[in-house]
Protein backbone atom coordinates (compact mmCIF):
# COMPACT_ATOMS: atom_id res chain seq x y z
CA MET A 1 12.14 7.63 -11.70
CA PRO A 2 8.83 8.55 -13.67
CA TRP A 3 6.54 5.86 -12.17
CA GLN A 4 7.19 7.21 -8.59
CA LYS A 5 3.88 9.43 -7.33
CA LYS A 6 4.21 11.48 -4.42
CA GLY A 7 2.88 9.66 -0.83
CA GLU A 8 0.20 12.06 -0.29
CA LYS A 9 -1.43 10.69 -3.65
CA PHE A 10 -1.75 7.59 -2.23
CA ILE A 11 -3.30 7.92 1.37
CA GLY A 12 -6.29 6.06 1.45
CA MET A 13 -5.68 3.60 -1.73
CA ASN A 14 -5.02 0.15 -1.28
CA ILE A 15 -2.41 -1.59 -3.38
CA PRO A 16 -3.88 -2.46 -6.41
CA GLU A 17 -5.48 1.38 -6.89
CA SER A 18 -2.25 2.34 -6.43
CA PHE A 19 -0.31 0.23 -9.01
CA PRO A 20 -2.49 -1.11 -11.19
CA GLU A 21 -2.31 -4.42 -12.65
CA ASN A 22 -0.85 -5.14 -16.69
CA THR A 23 -3.62 -6.52 -18.14
CA GLU A 24 -1.47 -8.02 -21.03
CA HIS A 25 1.20 -9.68 -17.96
CA LEU A 26 -1.36 -11.64 -15.52
CA GLY A 27 -0.22 -13.78 -13.37
CA THR A 28 -0.26 -15.05 -9.67
CA THR A 29 1.25 -11.71 -8.02
CA TRP A 30 -1.59 -10.83 -5.66
CA GLU A 31 -1.64 -14.79 -4.80
CA GLU A 32 1.51 -15.00 -4.19
CA ILE A 33 1.60 -12.11 -2.17
CA HIS A 34 -1.00 -12.98 -0.49
CA THR A 35 0.55 -16.42 0.77
CA SER A 36 3.35 -14.41 2.00
CA LEU A 37 1.31 -12.10 4.17
CA ASN A 38 -0.40 -15.08 5.86
CA LYS A 39 2.96 -16.73 6.58
CA ALA A 40 3.55 -13.23 7.92
CA LEU A 41 0.27 -13.27 9.87
CA ILE A 42 -0.73 -16.77 11.04
CA LYS A 43 2.36 -18.68 11.51
CA GLY A 44 4.37 -15.39 12.71
CA GLU A 45 7.06 -15.92 10.40
CA PRO A 46 8.62 -14.06 7.95
CA ASP A 47 8.70 -14.66 4.16
CA LYS A 48 11.15 -13.42 0.96
CA ILE A 49 9.83 -13.85 -2.82
CA GLU A 50 13.17 -13.34 -4.09
CA ALA A 51 11.79 -12.03 -7.69
CA LEU A 52 7.83 -11.19 -8.04
CA ARG A 53 7.48 -9.88 -11.65
CA TYR A 54 4.76 -6.54 -10.79
CA ASP A 55 4.83 -4.03 -14.01
CA ILE A 56 4.65 -0.12 -12.96
CA LEU A 57 2.63 1.96 -14.81
CA ASN A 58 4.88 4.89 -16.60
CA CYS A 59 2.58 8.02 -15.07
CA ASP A 60 4.41 10.07 -18.23
CA THR A 61 4.07 7.55 -21.28
CA ASP A 62 1.09 5.74 -19.57
CA GLU A 63 2.67 2.29 -20.80
CA PHE A 64 3.50 -0.58 -18.52
CA GLU A 65 7.07 -0.67 -18.02
CA GLU A 66 8.79 -4.50 -16.69
CA THR A 67 9.40 -4.31 -12.91
CA TYR A 68 10.80 -7.07 -10.85
CA TRP A 69 10.84 -7.09 -6.90
CA GLN A 70 12.35 -8.74 -3.81
CA ILE A 71 8.93 -8.58 -1.53
CA GLU A 72 9.72 -9.52 2.35
CA THR A 73 7.12 -9.81 5.02
CA LEU A 74 8.16 -9.75 8.31
CA PRO A 75 5.75 -9.65 11.25
CA ILE A 76 5.49 -7.01 14.34
CA LYS A 77 4.51 -9.26 17.02
CA ALA A 78 3.11 -7.57 20.59
CA GLU A 79 5.64 -7.85 23.17
CA THR A 80 2.96 -9.43 26.34
CA SER A 81 1.03 -11.80 23.99
CA GLY A 82 3.17 -12.37 21.34
CA MET A 83 0.25 -12.16 18.44
CA VAL A 84 1.08 -10.43 14.73
CA THR A 85 -0.05 -6.90 15.29
CA TYR A 86 1.09 -5.67 12.25
CA ILE A 87 3.32 -6.48 8.80
CA LEU A 88 6.19 -4.83 8.02
CA LEU A 89 6.07 -5.06 3.87
CA ILE A 90 9.13 -4.48 2.33
CA ALA A 91 9.49 -3.93 -1.55
CA ARG A 92 13.01 -3.32 -3.63
CA ASP A 93 13.41 -2.73 -7.28
CA LYS A 94 15.22 -5.80 -8.40
CA THR A 95 14.49 -5.22 -12.45
CA SER A 96 18.10 -4.53 -13.33
CA GLU A 97 19.36 -7.72 -11.14
CA VAL A 98 16.74 -9.89 -13.13
CA LEU A 99 16.76 -8.37 -16.10
CA GLU A 100 20.80 -9.19 -16.47
CA ASN A 101 20.67 -12.50 -15.18
CA ILE A 102 18.34 -13.17 -18.23
CA LYS A 103 20.46 -12.03 -21.07
C-alpha cells in the first residue's frame, strides 16, 4: 500500500508524528483513543472501538485517503502484582468494510 512506511522510519516517533492528522477531517479521534487507552490502563479492562476514522497520508500522492480502523486496547498485567505494565494496541484496517456499508 502506498501509505506504508518501513518500520525503521517509525523508531523514536510517536503516533501523531508517524501518522499526521488530516486537517480537513479533524474530529475526536485522539480523544477516543486516549479514552480507550485509559480504560485499559486504569480499569485493567480491554476496550474496542469498532470503526474509527483516521485518514492516512498517501506517500505517493501526498494526499490523505479516507481510512477506517478497528482499535483494540488490551492491558498486559504483571503476574505478581496484577498491575497493568503494558498496553497492546491493535489497529485493523476496516476501510473496505465500512465504505461498503455506507453504499
